[in-house]
Amino acid sequence: MTFRVKFGRQEVPAEYGDEDTYVFLENGALKLSFKKPAQWDEYYAPHAWYQVIAEENHGPGRAKG
């Protein structure tokens, strides 16, 4: 696990991998980008996600490393 996202206060966090990325957009939305098994993006409105928990070396907008 390199980062996790909680979509609700009481929800168990979803886990994402080393090559996946997250970005906080100016409007408060959260963008998740995936590389495997295919490349795609997902967007979550500000009220649709609660918290991002990331390892120290997996900052916003970049893969782990």
PDB file of N, CA and C in Angstrom:
ATOM      1  N   MET A   1       0.845  -1.176   0.000  1.00  0.00           N
ATOM      2  CA  MET A   1       0.000   0.000   0.000  1.00  0.00           C
ATOM      3  C   MET A   1       0.886   1.233   0.000  1.00  0.00           C
ATOM      4  N   THR A   2       0.624   2.143  -0.914  1.00  0.00           N
ATOM      5  CA  THR A   2       1.372   3.394  -0.881  1.00  0.00           C
ATOM      6  C   THR A   2       0.481   4.579  -0.548  1.00  0.00           C
ATOM      7  N   PHE A   3      -0.809   4.487  -0.889  1.00  0.00           N
ATOM      8  CA  PHE A   3      -1.747   5.460  -0.357  1.00  0.00           C
ATOM      9  C   PHE A   3      -3.132   4.843  -0.267  1.00  0.00           C
ATOM     10  N   ARG A   4      -3.933   5.417   0.629  1.00  0.00           N
ATOM     11  CA  ARG A   4      -5.298   4.943   0.843  1.00  0.00           C
ATOM     12  C   ARG A   4      -6.222   6.142   0.802  1.00  0.00           C
ATOM     13  N   VAL A   5      -7.472   5.898   0.405  1.00  0.00           N
ATOM     14  CA  VAL A   5      -8.481   6.950   0.373  1.00  0.00           C
ATOM     15  C   VAL A   5      -9.697   6.471   1.152  1.00  0.00           C
ATOM     16  N   LYS A   6     -10.128   7.317   2.092  1.00  0.00           N
ATOM     17  CA  LYS A   6     -11.385   7.064   2.789  1.00  0.00           C
ATOM     18  C   LYS A   6     -12.453   7.899   2.095  1.00  0.00           C
ATOM     19  N   PHE A   7     -13.535   7.240   1.678  1.00  0.00           N
ATOM     20  CA  PHE A   7     -14.615   7.941   0.999  1.00  0.00           C
ATOM     21  C   PHE A   7     -15.737   8.319   1.956  1.00  0.00           C
ATOM     22  N   GLY A   8     -15.636   7.897   3.183  1.00  0.00           N
ATOM     23  CA  GLY A   8     -16.578   8.258   4.235  1.00  0.00           C
ATOM     24  C   GLY A   8     -15.873   8.180   5.575  1.00  0.00           C
ATOM     25  N   ARG A   9     -16.384   8.891   6.546  1.00  0.00           N
ATOM     26  CA  ARG A   9     -15.738   8.975   7.861  1.00  0.00           C
ATOM     27  C   ARG A   9     -15.553   7.600   8.509  1.00  0.00           C
ATOM     28  N   GLN A  10     -16.533   6.729   8.404  1.00  0.00           N
ATOM     29  CA  GLN A  10     -16.486   5.416   9.047  1.00  0.00           C
ATOM     30  C   GLN A  10     -16.041   4.303   8.101  1.00  0.00           C
ATOM     31  N   GLU A  11     -15.816   4.624   6.864  1.00  0.00           N
ATOM     32  CA  GLU A  11     -15.502   3.622   5.844  1.00  0.00           C
ATOM     33  C   GLU A  11     -14.063   3.108   5.954  1.00  0.00           C
ATOM     34  N   VAL A  12     -13.877   1.838   5.592  1.00  0.00           N
ATOM     35  CA  VAL A  12     -12.533   1.263   5.509  1.00  0.00           C
ATOM     36  C   VAL A  12     -11.849   1.868   4.285  1.00  0.00           C
ATOM     37  N   PRO A  13     -10.604   2.342   4.404  1.00  0.00           N
ATOM     38  CA  PRO A  13      -9.937   2.987   3.263  1.00  0.00           C
ATOM     39  C   PRO A  13      -9.689   2.028   2.099  1.00  0.00           C
ATOM     40  N   ALA A  14      -9.832   2.542   0.879  1.00  0.00           N
ATOM     41  CA  ALA A  14      -9.459   1.803  -0.330  1.00  0.00           C
ATOM     42  C   ALA A  14      -7.956   1.962  -0.508  1.00  0.00           C
ATOM     43  N   GLU A  15      -7.280   0.891  -0.935  1.00  0.00           N
ATOM     44  CA  GLU A  15      -5.823   0.929  -1.079  1.00  0.00           C
ATOM     45  C   GLU A  15      -5.421   1.016  -2.544  1.00  0.00           C
ATOM     46  N   TYR A  16      -4.355   1.786  -2.810  1.00  0.00           N
ATOM     47  CA  TYR A  16      -3.861   1.995  -4.165  1.00  0.00           C
ATOM     48  C   TYR A  16      -2.372   1.679  -4.220  1.00  0.00           C
ATOM     49  N   GLY A  17      -1.865   1.418  -5.428  1.00  0.00           N
ATOM     50  CA  GLY A  17      -0.514   0.901  -5.595  1.00  0.00           C
ATOM     51  C   GLY A  17       0.566   1.935  -5.864  1.00  0.00           C
ATOM     52  N   ASP A  18       1.785   1.419  -6.058  1.00  0.00           N
ATOM     53  CA  ASP A  18       2.977   2.247  -6.239  1.00  0.00           C
ATOM     54  C   ASP A  18       2.902   3.175  -7.445  1.00  0.00           C
ATOM     55  N   GLU A  19       2.303   2.726  -8.546  1.00  0.00           N
ATOM     56  CA  GLU A  19       2.272   3.527  -9.770  1.00  0.00           C
ATOM     57  C   GLU A  19       1.031   4.399  -9.880  1.00  0.00           C
ATOM     58  N   ASP A  20       0.078   4.232  -8.974  1.00  0.00           N
ATOM     59  CA  ASP A  20      -1.122   5.059  -8.967  1.00  0.00           C
ATOM     60  C   ASP A  20      -0.786   6.417  -8.359  1.00  0.00           C
ATOM     61  N   THR A  21      -1.523   7.448  -8.773  1.00  0.00           N
ATOM     62  CA  THR A  21      -1.270   8.790  -8.248  1.00  0.00           C
ATOM     63  C   THR A  21      -2.573   9.450  -7.809  1.00  0.00           C
ATOM     64  N   TYR A  22      -2.440  10.454  -6.956  1.00  0.00           N
ATOM     65  CA  TYR A  22      -3.576  11.266  -6.525  1.00  0.00           C
ATOM     66  C   TYR A  22      -3.181  12.730  -6.626  1.00  0.00           C
ATOM     67  N   VAL A  23      -4.165  13.575  -6.924  1.00  0.00           N
ATOM     68  CA  VAL A  23      -3.941  15.020  -7.027  1.00  0.00           C
ATOM     69  C   VAL A  23      -5.156  15.713  -6.429  1.00  0.00           C
ATOM     70  N   PHE A  24      -4.920  16.737  -5.624  1.00  0.00           N
ATOM     71  CA  PHE A  24      -5.987  17.575  -5.102  1.00  0.00           C
ATOM     72  C   PHE A  24      -6.183  18.727  -6.086  1.00  0.00           C
ATOM     73  N   LEU A  25      -7.352  18.820  -6.699  1.00  0.00           N
ATOM     74  CA  LEU A  25      -7.627  19.874  -7.671  1.00  0.00           C
ATOM     75  C   LEU A  25      -8.040  21.157  -6.957  1.00  0.00           C
ATOM     76  N   GLU A  26      -7.943  22.282  -7.651  1.00  0.00           N
ATOM     77  CA  GLU A  26      -8.213  23.597  -7.049  1.00  0.00           C
ATOM     78  C   GLU A  26      -9.598  23.700  -6.429  1.00  0.00           C
ATOM     79  N   ASN A  27     -10.579  23.024  -7.010  1.00  0.00           N
ATOM     80  CA  ASN A  27     -11.953  23.118  -6.516  1.00  0.00           C
ATOM     81  C   ASN A  27     -12.229  22.152  -5.367  1.00  0.00           C
ATOM     82  N   GLY A  28     -11.192  21.445  -4.881  1.00  0.00           N
ATOM     83  CA  GLY A  28     -11.359  20.498  -3.788  1.00  0.00           C
ATOM     84  C   GLY A  28     -11.648  19.082  -4.233  1.00  0.00           C
ATOM     85  N   ALA A  29     -11.761  18.884  -5.540  1.00  0.00           N
ATOM     86  CA  ALA A  29     -11.983  17.535  -6.061  1.00  0.00           C
ATOM     87  C   ALA A  29     -10.694  16.721  -5.939  1.00  0.00           C
ATOM     88  N   LEU A  30     -10.849  15.413  -5.949  1.00  0.00           N
ATOM     89  CA  LEU A  30      -9.720  14.488  -5.875  1.00  0.00           C
ATOM     90  C   LEU A  30      -9.640  13.725  -7.189  1.00  0.00           C
ATOM     91  N   LYS A  31      -8.464  13.721  -7.806  1.00  0.00           N
ATOM     92  CA  LYS A  31      -8.232  12.977  -9.047  1.00  0.00           C
ATOM     93  C   LYS A  31      -7.323  11.797  -8.731  1.00  0.00           C
ATOM     94  N   LEU A  32      -7.773  10.588  -9.082  1.00  0.00           N
ATOM     95  CA  LEU A  32      -6.961   9.385  -8.953  1.00  0.00           C
ATOM     96  C   LEU A  32      -6.606   8.909 -10.348  1.00  0.00           C
ATOM     97  N   SER A  33      -5.336   8.602 -10.584  1.00  0.00           N
ATOM     98  CA  SER A  33      -4.862   8.118 -11.887  1.00  0.00           C
ATOM     99  C   SER A  33      -4.247   6.742 -11.703  1.00  0.00           C
ATOM    100  N   PHE A  34      -4.583   5.852 -12.631  1.00  0.00           N
ATOM    101  CA  PHE A  34      -4.143   4.461 -12.556  1.00  0.00           C
ATOM    102  C   PHE A  34      -3.343   4.098 -13.791  1.00  0.00           C
ATOM    103  N   LYS A  35      -2.351   3.227 -13.631  1.00  0.00           N
ATOM    104  CA  LYS A  35      -1.505   2.788 -14.745  1.00  0.00           C
ATOM    105  C   LYS A  35      -1.776   1.345 -15.136  1.00  0.00           C
ATOM    106  N   LYS A  36      -2.150   0.488 -14.188  1.00  0.00           N
ATOM    107  CA  LYS A  36      -2.337  -0.935 -14.471  1.00  0.00           C
ATOM    108  C   LYS A  36      -3.698  -1.379 -13.973  1.00  0.00           C
ATOM    109  N   PRO A  37      -4.385  -2.266 -14.625  1.00  0.00           N
ATOM    110  CA  PRO A  37      -4.025  -2.972 -15.851  1.00  0.00           C
ATOM    111  C   PRO A  37      -4.191  -2.113 -17.099  1.00  0.00           C
ATOM    112  N   ALA A  38      -4.853  -0.970 -16.977  1.00  0.00           N
ATOM    113  CA  ALA A  38      -4.988  -0.020 -18.086  1.00  0.00           C
ATOM    114  C   ALA A  38      -4.867   1.379 -17.492  1.00  0.00           C
ATOM    115  N   GLN A  39      -4.647   2.366 -18.347  1.00  0.00           N
ATOM    116  CA  GLN A  39      -4.490   3.734 -17.856  1.00  0.00           C
ATOM    117  C   GLN A  39      -5.842   4.434 -17.863  1.00  0.00           C
ATOM    118  N   TRP A  40      -6.257   4.991 -16.728  1.00  0.00           N
ATOM    119  CA  TRP A  40      -7.494   5.747 -16.643  1.00  0.00           C
ATOM    120  C   TRP A  40      -7.449   6.668 -15.431  1.00  0.00           C
ATOM    121  N   ASP A  41      -8.377   7.623 -15.399  1.00  0.00           N
ATOM    122  CA  ASP A  41      -8.492   8.572 -14.292  1.00  0.00           C
ATOM    123  C   ASP A  41      -9.889   8.481 -13.698  1.00  0.00           C
ATOM    124  N   GLU A  42      -9.986   8.760 -12.413  1.00  0.00           N
ATOM    125  CA  GLU A  42     -11.271   8.877 -11.731  1.00  0.00           C
ATOM    126  C   GLU A  42     -11.268  10.204 -10.986  1.00  0.00           C
ATOM    127  N   TYR A  43     -12.424  10.874 -10.961  1.00  0.00           N
ATOM    128  CA  TYR A  43     -12.561  12.157 -10.285  1.00  0.00           C
ATOM    129  C   TYR A  43     -13.645  12.043  -9.219  1.00  0.00           C
ATOM    130  N   TYR A  44     -13.379  12.637  -8.044  1.00  0.00           N
ATOM    131  CA  TYR A  44     -14.331  12.613  -6.943  1.00  0.00           C
ATOM    132  C   TYR A  44     -14.579  14.041  -6.480  1.00  0.00           C
ATOM    133  N   ALA A  45     -15.843  14.432  -6.413  1.00  0.00           N
ATOM    134  CA  ALA A  45     -16.230  15.765  -5.956  1.00  0.00           C
ATOM    135  C   ALA A  45     -15.777  15.964  -4.509  1.00  0.00           C
ATOM    136  N   PRO A  46     -15.628  17.222  -4.073  1.00  0.00           N
ATOM    137  CA  PRO A  46     -15.138  17.490  -2.720  1.00  0.00           C
ATOM    138  C   PRO A  46     -15.936  16.782  -1.615  1.00  0.00           C
ATOM    139  N   HIS A  47     -17.223  16.624  -1.788  1.00  0.00           N
ATOM    140  CA  HIS A  47     -18.043  15.972  -0.758  1.00  0.00           C
ATOM    141  C   HIS A  47     -18.028  14.443  -0.870  1.00  0.00           C
ATOM    142  N   ALA A  48     -17.371  13.888  -1.895  1.00  0.00           N
ATOM    143  CA  ALA A  48     -17.399  12.443  -2.149  1.00  0.00           C
ATOM    144  C   ALA A  48     -16.206  11.693  -1.561  1.00  0.00           C
ATOM    145  N   TRP A  49     -15.233  12.403  -1.028  1.00  0.00           N
ATOM    146  CA  TRP A  49     -14.087  11.744  -0.390  1.00  0.00           C
ATOM    147  C   TRP A  49     -13.810  12.443   0.937  1.00  0.00           C
ATOM    148  N   TYR A  50     -13.220  11.689   1.873  1.00  0.00           N
ATOM    149  CA  TYR A  50     -13.015  12.213   3.216  1.00  0.00           C
ATOM    150  C   TYR A  50     -11.540  12.461   3.541  1.00  0.00           C
ATOM    151  N   GLN A  51     -10.650  11.497   3.184  1.00  0.00           N
ATOM    152  CA  GLN A  51      -9.255  11.605   3.611  1.00  0.00           C
ATOM    153  C   GLN A  51      -8.348  10.792   2.698  1.00  0.00           C
ATOM    154  N   VAL A  52      -7.138  11.314   2.444  1.00  0.00           N
ATOM    155  CA  VAL A  52      -6.078  10.577   1.750  1.00  0.00           C
ATOM    156  C   VAL A  52      -4.969  10.326   2.763  1.00  0.00           C
ATOM    157  N   ILE A  53      -4.535   9.070   2.846  1.00  0.00           N
ATOM    158  CA  ILE A  53      -3.467   8.668   3.766  1.00  0.00           C
ATOM    159  C   ILE A  53      -2.348   8.097   2.905  1.00  0.00           C
ATOM    160  N   ALA A  54      -1.204   8.777   2.857  1.00  0.00           N
ATOM    161  CA  ALA A  54      -0.120   8.364   1.956  1.00  0.00           C
ATOM    162  C   ALA A  54       1.164   8.085   2.720  1.00  0.00           C
ATOM    163  N   GLU A  55       1.952   7.164   2.167  1.00  0.00           N
ATOM    164  CA  GLU A  55       3.285   6.942   2.704  1.00  0.00           C
ATOM    165  C   GLU A  55       4.134   8.184   2.426  1.00  0.00           C
ATOM    166  N   GLU A  56       5.167   8.381   3.204  1.00  0.00           N
ATOM    167  CA  GLU A  56       6.006   9.579   3.127  1.00  0.00           C
ATOM    168  C   GLU A  56       6.568   9.836   1.730  1.00  0.00           C
ATOM    169  N   ASN A  57       6.922   8.788   1.007  1.00  0.00           N
ATOM    170  CA  ASN A  57       7.545   8.953  -0.311  1.00  0.00           C
ATOM    171  C   ASN A  57       6.550   8.840  -1.462  1.00  0.00           C
ATOM    172  N   HIS A  58       5.270   9.051  -1.192  1.00  0.00           N
ATOM    173  CA  HIS A  58       4.256   9.011  -2.252  1.00  0.00           C
ATOM    174  C   HIS A  58       3.392  10.265  -2.142  1.00  0.00           C
ATOM    175  N   GLY A  59       3.961  11.391  -2.570  1.00  0.00           N
ATOM    176  CA  GLY A  59       3.266  12.667  -2.483  1.00  0.00           C
ATOM    177  C   GLY A  59       2.267  12.863  -3.606  1.00  0.00           C
ATOM    178  N   PRO A  60       1.474  13.924  -3.536  1.00  0.00           N
ATOM    179  CA  PRO A  60       0.481  14.207  -4.564  1.00  0.00           C
ATOM    180  C   PRO A  60       1.112  14.381  -5.945  1.00  0.00           C
ATOM    181  N   GLY A  61       0.475  13.809  -6.957  1.00  0.00           N
ATOM    182  CA  GLY A  61       0.884  14.007  -8.338  1.00  0.00           C
ATOM    183  C   GLY A  61       2.054  13.177  -8.816  1.00  0.00           C
ATOM    184  N   ARG A  62       2.559  12.270  -7.989  1.00  0.00           N
ATOM    185  CA  ARG A  62       3.693  11.452  -8.442  1.00  0.00           C
ATOM    186  C   ARG A  62       3.565  10.025  -7.923  1.00  0.00           C
ATOM    187  N   ALA A  63       4.154   9.108  -8.669  1.00  0.00           N
ATOM    188  CA  ALA A  63       4.185   7.712  -8.250  1.00  0.00           C
ATOM    189  C   ALA A  63       5.151   7.562  -7.082  1.00  0.00           C
ATOM    190  N   LYS A  64       5.071   6.442  -6.390  1.00  0.00           N
ATOM    191  CA  LYS A  64       5.955   6.200  -5.246  1.00  0.00           C
ATOM    192  C   LYS A  64       7.405   6.180  -5.699  1.00  0.00           C
ATOM    193  N   GLY A  65       8.264   6.791  -4.905  1.00  0.00           N
ATOM    194  CA  GLY A  65       9.679   6.722  -5.226  1.00  0.00           C
ATOM    195  C   GLY A  65      10.462   7.926  -4.885  1.00  0.00           C
TER     196      GLY A  65
END
